[in-house]
PDB file of N, CA and C in Angstrom:
ATOM      1  N   MET A   1      37.575   9.489  32.269  1.00  0.00           N
ATOM      2  CA  MET A   1      38.230  10.309  31.373  1.00  0.00           C
ATOM      3  C   MET A   1      39.916   9.843  31.542  1.00  0.00           C
ATOM      4  N   PHE A   2      40.327   9.180  32.529  1.00  0.00           N
ATOM      5  CA  PHE A   2      41.481   8.769  32.794  1.00  0.00           C
ATOM      6  C   PHE A   2      41.832   7.879  31.374  1.00  0.00           C
ATOM      7  N   PHE A   3      40.964   6.787  31.312  1.00  0.00           N
ATOM      8  CA  PHE A   3      41.170   5.736  30.494  1.00  0.00           C
ATOM      9  C   PHE A   3      40.989   6.214  29.141  1.00  0.00           C
ATOM     10  N   ARG A   4      40.273   7.303  28.858  1.00  0.00           N
ATOM     11  CA  ARG A   4      40.133   7.927  27.523  1.00  0.00           C
ATOM     12  C   ARG A   4      41.543   8.575  27.112  1.00  0.00           C
ATOM     13  N   ALA A   5      42.042   9.297  28.159  1.00  0.00           N
ATOM     14  CA  ALA A   5      43.321  10.269  27.997  1.00  0.00           C
ATOM     15  C   ALA A   5      44.668   9.354  28.048  1.00  0.00           C
ATOM     16  N   ASN A   6      44.496   7.818  28.719  1.00  0.00           N
ATOM     17  CA  ASN A   6      45.803   7.239  28.749  1.00  0.00           C
ATOM     18  C   ASN A   6      45.986   6.296  27.217  1.00  0.00           C
ATOM     19  N   LYS A   7      46.691   7.057  26.470  1.00  0.00           N
ATOM     20  CA  LYS A   7      46.676   6.487  25.124  1.00  0.00           C
ATOM     21  C   LYS A   7      47.702   5.079  25.209  1.00  0.00           C
ATOM     22  N   THR A   8      48.570   5.374  26.232  1.00  0.00           N
ATOM     23  CA  THR A   8      49.693   4.289  26.359  1.00  0.00           C
ATOM     24  C   THR A   8      49.093   2.697  27.332  1.00  0.00           C
ATOM     25  N   ASN A   9      47.888   3.060  27.602  1.00  0.00           N
ATOM     26  CA  ASN A   9      47.389   1.803  28.700  1.00  0.00           C
ATOM     27  C   ASN A   9      48.170   1.659  29.600  1.00  0.00           C
ATOM     28  N   SER A  10      48.913   2.533  30.339  1.00  0.00           N
ATOM     29  CA  SER A  10      49.622   2.421  31.477  1.00  0.00           C
ATOM     30  C   SER A  10      49.036   2.731  32.643  1.00  0.00           C
ATOM     31  N   GLU A  11      49.864   2.310  33.894  1.00  0.00           N
ATOM     32  CA  GLU A  11      48.957   2.425  35.183  1.00  0.00           C
ATOM     33  C   GLU A  11      49.106   3.964  35.440  1.00  0.00           C
ATOM     34  N   THR A  12      49.627   4.887  35.075  1.00  0.00           N
ATOM     35  CA  THR A  12      49.774   6.295  35.336  1.00  0.00           C
ATOM     36  C   THR A  12      49.577   7.226  34.067  1.00  0.00           C
ATOM     37  N   ILE A  13      49.242   8.464  34.306  1.00  0.00           N
ATOM     38  CA  ILE A  13      49.331   9.344  33.129  1.00  0.00           C
ATOM     39  C   ILE A  13      50.058  10.751  33.356  1.00  0.00           C
ATOM     40  N   LYS A  14      50.588  11.284  32.500  1.00  0.00           N
ATOM     41  CA  LYS A  14      51.310  12.421  32.879  1.00  0.00           C
ATOM     42  C   LYS A  14      50.376  13.555  32.749  1.00  0.00           C
ATOM     43  N   PHE A  15      50.590  14.671  33.511  1.00  0.00           N
ATOM     44  CA  PHE A  15      49.560  15.871  33.475  1.00  0.00           C
ATOM     45  C   PHE A  15      49.491  16.472  31.917  1.00  0.00           C
ATOM     46  N   ALA A  16      50.547  16.451  31.571  1.00  0.00           N
ATOM     47  CA  ALA A  16      50.847  16.960  30.038  1.00  0.00           C
ATOM     48  C   ALA A  16      49.641  16.284  29.181  1.00  0.00           C
ATOM     49  N   ASP A  17      49.667  14.913  29.348  1.00  0.00           N
ATOM     50  CA  ASP A  17      48.853  14.068  28.496  1.00  0.00           C
ATOM     51  C   ASP A  17      47.358  14.195  28.670  1.00  0.00           C
ATOM     52  N   LEU A  18      47.014  14.390  29.947  1.00  0.00           N
ATOM     53  CA  LEU A  18      45.908  14.730  30.351  1.00  0.00           C
ATOM     54  C   LEU A  18      45.257  16.179  29.875  1.00  0.00           C
ATOM     55  N   THR A  19      46.202  17.155  30.013  1.00  0.00           N
ATOM     56  CA  THR A  19      45.608  18.457  29.512  1.00  0.00           C
ATOM     57  C   THR A  19      45.634  18.445  27.953  1.00  0.00           C
ATOM     58  N   SER A  20      46.498  17.603  27.223  1.00  0.00           N
ATOM     59  CA  SER A  20      46.330  17.831  25.623  1.00  0.00           C
ATOM     60  C   SER A  20      45.113  17.114  25.465  1.00  0.00           C
ATOM     61  N   TYR A  21      44.664  15.910  26.051  1.00  0.00           N
ATOM     62  CA  TYR A  21      43.575  15.231  25.575  1.00  0.00           C
ATOM     63  C   TYR A  21      42.230  16.065  26.194  1.00  0.00           C
ATOM     64  N   LEU A  22      42.142  16.956  26.930  1.00  0.00           N
ATOM     65  CA  LEU A  22      41.098  17.896  27.147  1.00  0.00           C
ATOM     66  C   LEU A  22      40.947  19.015  26.199  1.00  0.00           C
ATOM     67  N   ILE A  23      42.167  19.239  25.725  1.00  0.00           N
ATOM     68  CA  ILE A  23      42.124  20.316  24.741  1.00  0.00           C
ATOM     69  C   ILE A  23      41.738  19.936  23.369  1.00  0.00           C
ATOM     70  N   GLU A  24      42.251  18.724  23.017  1.00  0.00           N
ATOM     71  CA  GLU A  24      41.830  18.176  21.803  1.00  0.00           C
ATOM     72  C   GLU A  24      40.475  17.944  21.824  1.00  0.00           C
ATOM     73  N   HIS A  25      39.832  17.291  23.037  1.00  0.00           N
ATOM     74  CA  HIS A  25      38.393  16.830  23.116  1.00  0.00           C
ATOM     75  C   HIS A  25      37.669  18.414  22.765  1.00  0.00           C
ATOM     76  N   GLU A  26      37.856  19.253  23.498  1.00  0.00           N
ATOM     77  CA  GLU A  26      37.017  20.482  23.373  1.00  0.00           C
ATOM     78  C   GLU A  26      37.049  21.286  21.958  1.00  0.00           C
ATOM     79  N   ILE A  27      38.335  21.129  21.378  1.00  0.00           N
ATOM     80  CA  ILE A  27      38.377  21.599  19.949  1.00  0.00           C
ATOM     81  C   ILE A  27      37.497  20.821  19.038  1.00  0.00           C
ATOM     82  N   LYS A  28      37.776  19.561  19.265  1.00  0.00           N
ATOM     83  CA  LYS A  28      36.995  18.342  18.411  1.00  0.00           C
ATOM     84  C   LYS A  28      35.636  18.572  18.543  1.00  0.00           C
ATOM     85  N   ASN A  29      35.221  18.894  19.713  1.00  0.00           N
ATOM     86  CA  ASN A  29      33.482  19.114  19.711  1.00  0.00           C
ATOM     87  C   ASN A  29      33.044  20.394  19.585  1.00  0.00           C
ATOM     88  N   TYR A  30      33.805  21.262  19.222  1.00  0.00           N
ATOM     89  CA  TYR A  30      33.193  22.798  18.856  1.00  0.00           C
ATOM     90  C   TYR A  30      33.408  22.920  17.311  1.00  0.00           C
ATOM     91  N   THR A  31      33.267  24.082  16.804  1.00  0.00           N
ATOM     92  CA  THR A  31      33.248  24.386  15.654  1.00  0.00           C
ATOM     93  C   THR A  31      35.023  24.233  15.128  1.00  0.00           C
ATOM     94  N   GLU A  32      34.968  24.306  13.611  1.00  0.00           N
ATOM     95  CA  GLU A  32      36.434  24.177  13.038  1.00  0.00           C
ATOM     96  C   GLU A  32      37.238  25.263  13.484  1.00  0.00           C
ATOM     97  N   ASP A  33      36.615  26.485  13.786  1.00  0.00           N
ATOM     98  CA  ASP A  33      37.374  27.680  14.025  1.00  0.00           C
ATOM     99  C   ASP A  33      37.704  27.466  15.320  1.00  0.00           C
ATOM    100  N   ALA A  34      38.968  27.277  15.629  1.00  0.00           N
ATOM    101  CA  ALA A  34      39.381  27.034  17.155  1.00  0.00           C
ATOM    102  C   ALA A  34      39.312  28.504  18.071  1.00  0.00           C
ATOM    103  N   THR A  35      39.269  29.517  17.558  1.00  0.00           N
ATOM    104  CA  THR A  35      39.293  30.682  18.255  1.00  0.00           C
ATOM    105  C   THR A  35      37.798  30.691  19.004  1.00  0.00           C
ATOM    106  N   GLN A  36      36.832  30.138  18.642  1.00  0.00           N
ATOM    107  CA  GLN A  36      35.487  29.974  19.193  1.00  0.00           C
ATOM    108  C   GLN A  36      35.469  28.960  20.432  1.00  0.00           C
ATOM    109  N   VAL A  37      36.405  28.420  20.632  1.00  0.00           N
ATOM    110  CA  VAL A  37      36.523  27.206  21.819  1.00  0.00           C
ATOM    111  C   VAL A  37      36.722  28.208  23.249  1.00  0.00           C
ATOM    112  N   ASP A  38      35.820  27.669  24.060  1.00  0.00           N
ATOM    113  CA  ASP A  38      35.686  28.402  25.281  1.00  0.00           C
ATOM    114  C   ASP A  38      36.415  27.415  26.263  1.00  0.00           C
ATOM    115  N   MET A  39      37.748  27.817  26.514  1.00  0.00           N
ATOM    116  CA  MET A  39      38.643  27.112  27.571  1.00  0.00           C
ATOM    117  C   MET A  39      38.563  27.940  29.118  1.00  0.00           C
ATOM    118  N   MET A  40      37.428  28.388  29.134  1.00  0.00           N
ATOM    119  CA  MET A  40      37.400  29.055  30.531  1.00  0.00           C
ATOM    120  C   MET A  40      37.582  27.924  31.702  1.00  0.00           C
ATOM    121  N   TYR A  41      38.281  28.145  32.670  1.00  0.00           N
ATOM    122  CA  TYR A  41      38.332  27.233  33.691  1.00  0.00           C
ATOM    123  C   TYR A  41      37.120  27.764  34.682  1.00  0.00           C
ATOM    124  N   THR A  42      36.471  26.347  35.061  1.00  0.00           N
ATOM    125  CA  THR A  42      35.343  26.813  36.170  1.00  0.00           C
ATOM    126  C   THR A  42      35.571  25.655  37.269  1.00  0.00           C
ATOM    127  N   GLU A  43      35.529  26.329  38.536  1.00  0.00           N
ATOM    128  CA  GLU A  43      35.879  25.698  39.592  1.00  0.00           C
ATOM    129  C   GLU A  43      34.454  25.015  40.141  1.00  0.00           C
ATOM    130  N   SER A  44      34.759  23.558  40.484  1.00  0.00           N
ATOM    131  CA  SER A  44      33.651  22.694  41.201  1.00  0.00           C
ATOM    132  C   SER A  44      33.106  23.362  42.219  1.00  0.00           C
ATOM    133  N   ILE A  45      31.828  23.485  42.379  1.00  0.00           N
ATOM    134  CA  ILE A  45      31.129  23.846  43.861  1.00  0.00           C
ATOM    135  C   ILE A  45      31.136  22.733  44.566  1.00  0.00           C
ATOM    136  N   ASP A  46      30.965  21.639  43.930  1.00  0.00           N
ATOM    137  CA  ASP A  46      30.486  20.385  44.973  1.00  0.00           C
ATOM    138  C   ASP A  46      31.710  19.612  45.449  1.00  0.00           C
ATOM    139  N   ILE A  47      32.743  19.801  44.619  1.00  0.00           N
ATOM    140  CA  ILE A  47      34.297  19.026  45.368  1.00  0.00           C
ATOM    141  C   ILE A  47      35.347  20.065  45.941  1.00  0.00           C
ATOM    142  N   VAL A  48      35.400  20.070  46.908  1.00  0.00           N
ATOM    143  CA  VAL A  48      36.340  21.098  47.412  1.00  0.00           C
ATOM    144  C   VAL A  48      37.280  20.505  48.207  1.00  0.00           C
ATOM    145  N   ASP A  49      38.547  20.457  47.909  1.00  0.00           N
ATOM    146  CA  ASP A  49      39.606  20.068  48.907  1.00  0.00           C
ATOM    147  C   ASP A  49      40.033  21.006  50.012  1.00  0.00           C
ATOM    148  N   ARG A  50      39.574  20.831  51.196  1.00  0.00           N
ATOM    149  CA  ARG A  50      39.879  21.798  52.088  1.00  0.00           C
ATOM    150  C   ARG A  50      41.099  21.337  52.952  1.00  0.00           C
ATOM    151  N   THR A  51      41.992  20.483  52.457  1.00  0.00           N
ATOM    152  CA  THR A  51      43.095  19.893  53.398  1.00  0.00           C
ATOM    153  C   THR A  51      44.196  20.692  52.928  1.00  0.00           C
ATOM    154  N   PRO A  52      44.871  21.306  54.011  1.00  0.00           N
ATOM    155  CA  PRO A  52      46.076  22.210  53.467  1.00  0.00           C
ATOM    156  C   PRO A  52      47.124  21.359  53.012  1.00  0.00           C
ATOM    157  N   HIS A  53      47.609  21.796  51.905  1.00  0.00           N
ATOM    158  CA  HIS A  53      48.988  21.150  51.274  1.00  0.00           C
ATOM    159  C   HIS A  53      50.067  22.132  51.254  1.00  0.00           C
ATOM    160  N   ASN A  54      51.133  21.375  51.934  1.00  0.00           N
ATOM    161  CA  ASN A  54      52.552  22.165  52.330  1.00  0.00           C
ATOM    162  C   ASN A  54      53.270  22.211  51.020  1.00  0.00           C
ATOM    163  N   GLY A  55      52.936  21.433  50.116  1.00  0.00           N
ATOM    164  CA  GLY A  55      53.894  21.220  48.893  1.00  0.00           C
ATOM    165  C   GLY A  55      52.999  21.222  47.631  1.00  0.00           C
ATOM    166  N   GLN A  56      53.689  21.134  46.437  1.00  0.00           N
ATOM    167  CA  GLN A  56      53.010  20.644  45.269  1.00  0.00           C
ATOM    168  C   GLN A  56      52.502  19.511  45.104  1.00  0.00           C
ATOM    169  N   ILE A  57      51.384  19.136  44.508  1.00  0.00           N
ATOM    170  CA  ILE A  57      51.004  17.786  44.504  1.00  0.00           C
ATOM    171  C   ILE A  57      51.982  17.066  43.297  1.00  0.00           C
ATOM    172  N   ASP A  58      52.820  16.110  43.688  1.00  0.00           N
ATOM    173  CA  ASP A  58      53.459  15.586  42.551  1.00  0.00           C
ATOM    174  C   ASP A  58      52.834  14.391  41.813  1.00  0.00           C
ATOM    175  N   LYS A  59      51.998  13.506  42.548  1.00  0.00           N
ATOM    176  CA  LYS A  59      51.694  12.285  41.747  1.00  0.00           C
ATOM    177  C   LYS A  59      50.206  12.183  42.380  1.00  0.00           C
ATOM    178  N   ILE A  60      49.278  11.902  41.567  1.00  0.00           N
ATOM    179  CA  ILE A  60      47.738  11.477  41.734  1.00  0.00           C
ATOM    180  C   ILE A  60      47.656  10.159  41.198  1.00  0.00           C
ATOM    181  N   TYR A  61      46.950   9.192  41.889  1.00  0.00           N
ATOM    182  CA  TYR A  61      46.419   7.888  41.480  1.00  0.00           C
ATOM    183  C   TYR A  61      45.237   7.668  41.771  1.00  0.00           C
ATOM    184  N   TYR A  62      44.251   6.865  40.776  1.00  0.00           N
ATOM    185  CA  TYR A  62      43.069   6.688  41.053  1.00  0.00           C
ATOM    186  C   TYR A  62      42.924   4.951  41.082  1.00  0.00           C
ATOM    187  N   PHE A  63      42.285   4.702  42.040  1.00  0.00           N
ATOM    188  CA  PHE A  63      41.985   3.299  42.251  1.00  0.00           C
ATOM    189  C   PHE A  63      40.723   3.137  41.840  1.00  0.00           C
ATOM    190  N   GLU A  64      40.413   2.511  40.685  1.00  0.00           N
ATOM    191  CA  GLU A  64      38.942   2.260  40.083  1.00  0.00           C
ATOM    192  C   GLU A  64      38.091   1.084  40.925  1.00  0.00           C
ATOM    193  N   LYS A  65      38.778   0.263  41.315  1.00  0.00           N
ATOM    194  CA  LYS A  65      38.133  -0.760  42.134  1.00  0.00           C
ATOM    195  C   LYS A  65      37.645  -0.374  43.313  1.00  0.00           C
ATOM    196  N   ILE A  66      38.338   0.384  44.052  1.00  0.00           N
ATOM    197  CA  ILE A  66      38.011   0.856  45.510  1.00  0.00           C
ATOM    198  C   ILE A  66      37.615   2.163  45.626  1.00  0.00           C
ATOM    199  N   ASP A  67      37.662   2.919  44.333  1.00  0.00           N
ATOM    200  CA  ASP A  67      37.065   4.419  43.958  1.00  0.00           C
ATOM    201  C   ASP A  67      37.765   5.218  45.153  1.00  0.00           C
ATOM    202  N   LYS A  68      39.041   5.371  44.944  1.00  0.00           N
ATOM    203  CA  LYS A  68      39.954   6.208  45.947  1.00  0.00           C
ATOM    204  C   LYS A  68      40.872   6.811  45.188  1.00  0.00           C
ATOM    205  N   VAL A  69      41.445   8.023  45.776  1.00  0.00           N
ATOM    206  CA  VAL A  69      42.452   8.791  44.992  1.00  0.00           C
ATOM    207  C   VAL A  69      43.643   8.896  46.045  1.00  0.00           C
ATOM    208  N   ILE A  70      44.561   8.697  45.780  1.00  0.00           N
ATOM    209  CA  ILE A  70      45.957   8.778  46.453  1.00  0.00           C
ATOM    210  C   ILE A  70      46.617  10.034  45.866  1.00  0.00           C
ATOM    211  N   LEU A  71      46.983  10.868  46.938  1.00  0.00           N
ATOM    212  CA  LEU A  71      47.979  12.087  46.402  1.00  0.00           C
ATOM    213  C   LEU A  71      49.143  11.879  47.056  1.00  0.00           C
ATOM    214  N   PHE A  72      50.374  12.227  46.535  1.00  0.00           N
ATOM    215  CA  PHE A  72      51.597  12.386  46.730  1.00  0.00           C
ATOM    216  C   PHE A  72      52.073  13.825  46.782  1.00  0.00           C
ATOM    217  N   GLU A  73      52.434  14.566  47.703  1.00  0.00           N
ATOM    218  CA  GLU A  73      53.016  15.874  47.799  1.00  0.00           C
ATOM    219  C   GLU A  73      54.552  15.776  47.674  1.00  0.00           C
ATOM    220  N   THR A  74      55.067  16.593  46.993  1.00  0.00           N
ATOM    221  CA  THR A  74      56.534  16.956  46.667  1.00  0.00           C
ATOM    222  C   THR A  74      57.441  17.091  48.078  1.00  0.00           C
ATOM    223  N   GLY A  75      58.295  16.410  48.576  1.00  0.00           N
ATOM    224  CA  GLY A  75      58.983  16.678  49.811  1.00  0.00           C
ATOM    225  C   GLY A  75      58.216  16.368  51.003  1.00  0.00           C
ATOM    226  N   MET A  76      57.215  15.598  50.752  1.00  0.00           N
ATOM    227  CA  MET A  76      56.305  15.296  52.046  1.00  0.00           C
ATOM    228  C   MET A  76      56.284  13.670  52.375  1.00  0.00           C
ATOM    229  N   ARG A  77      56.169  13.260  53.780  1.00  0.00           N
ATOM    230  CA  ARG A  77      56.200  11.923  53.924  1.00  0.00           C
ATOM    231  C   ARG A  77      55.006  11.340  54.194  1.00  0.00           C
ATOM    232  N   LEU A  78      53.988  12.261  53.986  1.00  0.00           N
ATOM    233  CA  LEU A  78      52.562  11.746  53.926  1.00  0.00           C
ATOM    234  C   LEU A  78      51.885  11.197  52.520  1.00  0.00           C
ATOM    235  N   VAL A  79      51.214  10.335  52.623  1.00  0.00           N
ATOM    236  CA  VAL A  79      50.025   9.982  51.451  1.00  0.00           C
ATOM    237  C   VAL A  79      48.918  10.045  51.868  1.00  0.00           C
ATOM    238  N   ARG A  80      48.226  10.849  51.076  1.00  0.00           N
ATOM    239  CA  ARG A  80      46.862  10.978  51.447  1.00  0.00           C
ATOM    240  C   ARG A  80      45.921  10.438  50.468  1.00  0.00           C
ATOM    241  N   ILE A  81      44.778   9.909  51.169  1.00  0.00           N
ATOM    242  CA  ILE A  81      43.814   8.810  50.670  1.00  0.00           C
ATOM    243  C   ILE A  81      42.431   9.753  50.655  1.00  0.00           C
ATOM    244  N   TYR A  82      41.715   9.724  49.442  1.00  0.00           N
ATOM    245  CA  TYR A  82      40.692  10.308  49.477  1.00  0.00           C
ATOM    246  C   TYR A  82      39.567   9.692  48.717  1.00  0.00           C
ATOM    247  N   ASP A  83      38.123   9.915  49.202  1.00  0.00           N
ATOM    248  CA  ASP A  83      36.978   9.505  48.656  1.00  0.00           C
ATOM    249  C   ASP A  83      37.109   9.919  47.204  1.00  0.00           C
ATOM    250  N   ALA A  84      37.040   9.208  46.197  1.00  0.00           N
ATOM    251  CA  ALA A  84      37.092   9.779  44.725  1.00  0.00           C
ATOM    252  C   ALA A  84      35.890  10.534  44.221  1.00  0.00           C
ATOM    253  N   VAL A  85      34.786  10.339  44.926  1.00  0.00           N
ATOM    254  CA  VAL A  85      33.535  10.944  44.546  1.00  0.00           C
ATOM    255  C   VAL A  85      33.415  12.148  44.900  1.00  0.00           C
ATOM    256  N   LYS A  86      33.909  12.640  46.336  1.00  0.00           N
ATOM    257  CA  LYS A  86      33.522  13.777  46.840  1.00  0.00           C
ATOM    258  C   LYS A  86      35.093  14.467  47.187  1.00  0.00           C
ATOM    259  N   MET A  87      36.165  13.918  46.723  1.00  0.00           N
ATOM    260  CA  MET A  87      37.498  14.144  46.996  1.00  0.00           C
ATOM    261  C   MET A  87      37.507  14.595  48.437  1.00  0.00           C
ATOM    262  N   LYS A  88      37.036  14.127  49.689  1.00  0.00           N
ATOM    263  CA  LYS A  88      37.033  14.128  50.777  1.00  0.00           C
ATOM    264  C   LYS A  88      38.238  13.182  51.215  1.00  0.00           C
ATOM    265  N   ILE A  89      39.006  13.832  52.130  1.00  0.00           N
ATOM    266  CA  ILE A  89      40.192  13.083  52.714  1.00  0.00           C
ATOM    267  C   ILE A  89      39.706  12.071  53.761  1.00  0.00           C
ATOM    268  N   GLU A  90      40.012  11.004  53.731  1.00  0.00           N
ATOM    269  CA  GLU A  90      39.685   9.843  54.750  1.00  0.00           C
ATOM    270  C   GLU A  90      40.885   9.533  55.541  1.00  0.00           C
ATOM    271  N   LYS A  91      42.065   9.352  54.948  1.00  0.00           N
ATOM    272  CA  LYS A  91      43.370   9.027  56.065  1.00  0.00           C
ATOM    273  C   LYS A  91      44.507   9.821  55.324  1.00  0.00           C
ATOM    274  N   SER A  92      45.514   9.977  56.066  1.00  0.00           N
ATOM    275  CA  SER A  92      47.064  10.466  55.974  1.00  0.00           C
ATOM    276  C   SER A  92      47.912   9.476  56.412  1.00  0.00           C
ATOM    277  N   ILE A  93      48.601   8.734  55.600  1.00  0.00           N
ATOM    278  CA  ILE A  93      49.640   7.505  56.259  1.00  0.00           C
ATOM    279  C   ILE A  93      50.835   8.179  55.875  1.00  0.00           C
TER     280      ILE A  93
END
């Protein structure tokens, strides 16, 4: 999904670009009447991040070759490394 939403082929993507892609995708795959688009949020049952976050998540990076996600929180000195499949924290640096 990242590669499809990343129109500029950069190493990072802005949250606004990702949400725009998702909305455009949903509208395109439904009828021409946008009022019938179901934009209801459904929380994942399988992927749950139980790690306490003391600040807002500022940046998220996905490393495809090693299948890891790195999170940077606003105002924090820690970088958290997650297994990308289950979003289970592996290490805080």
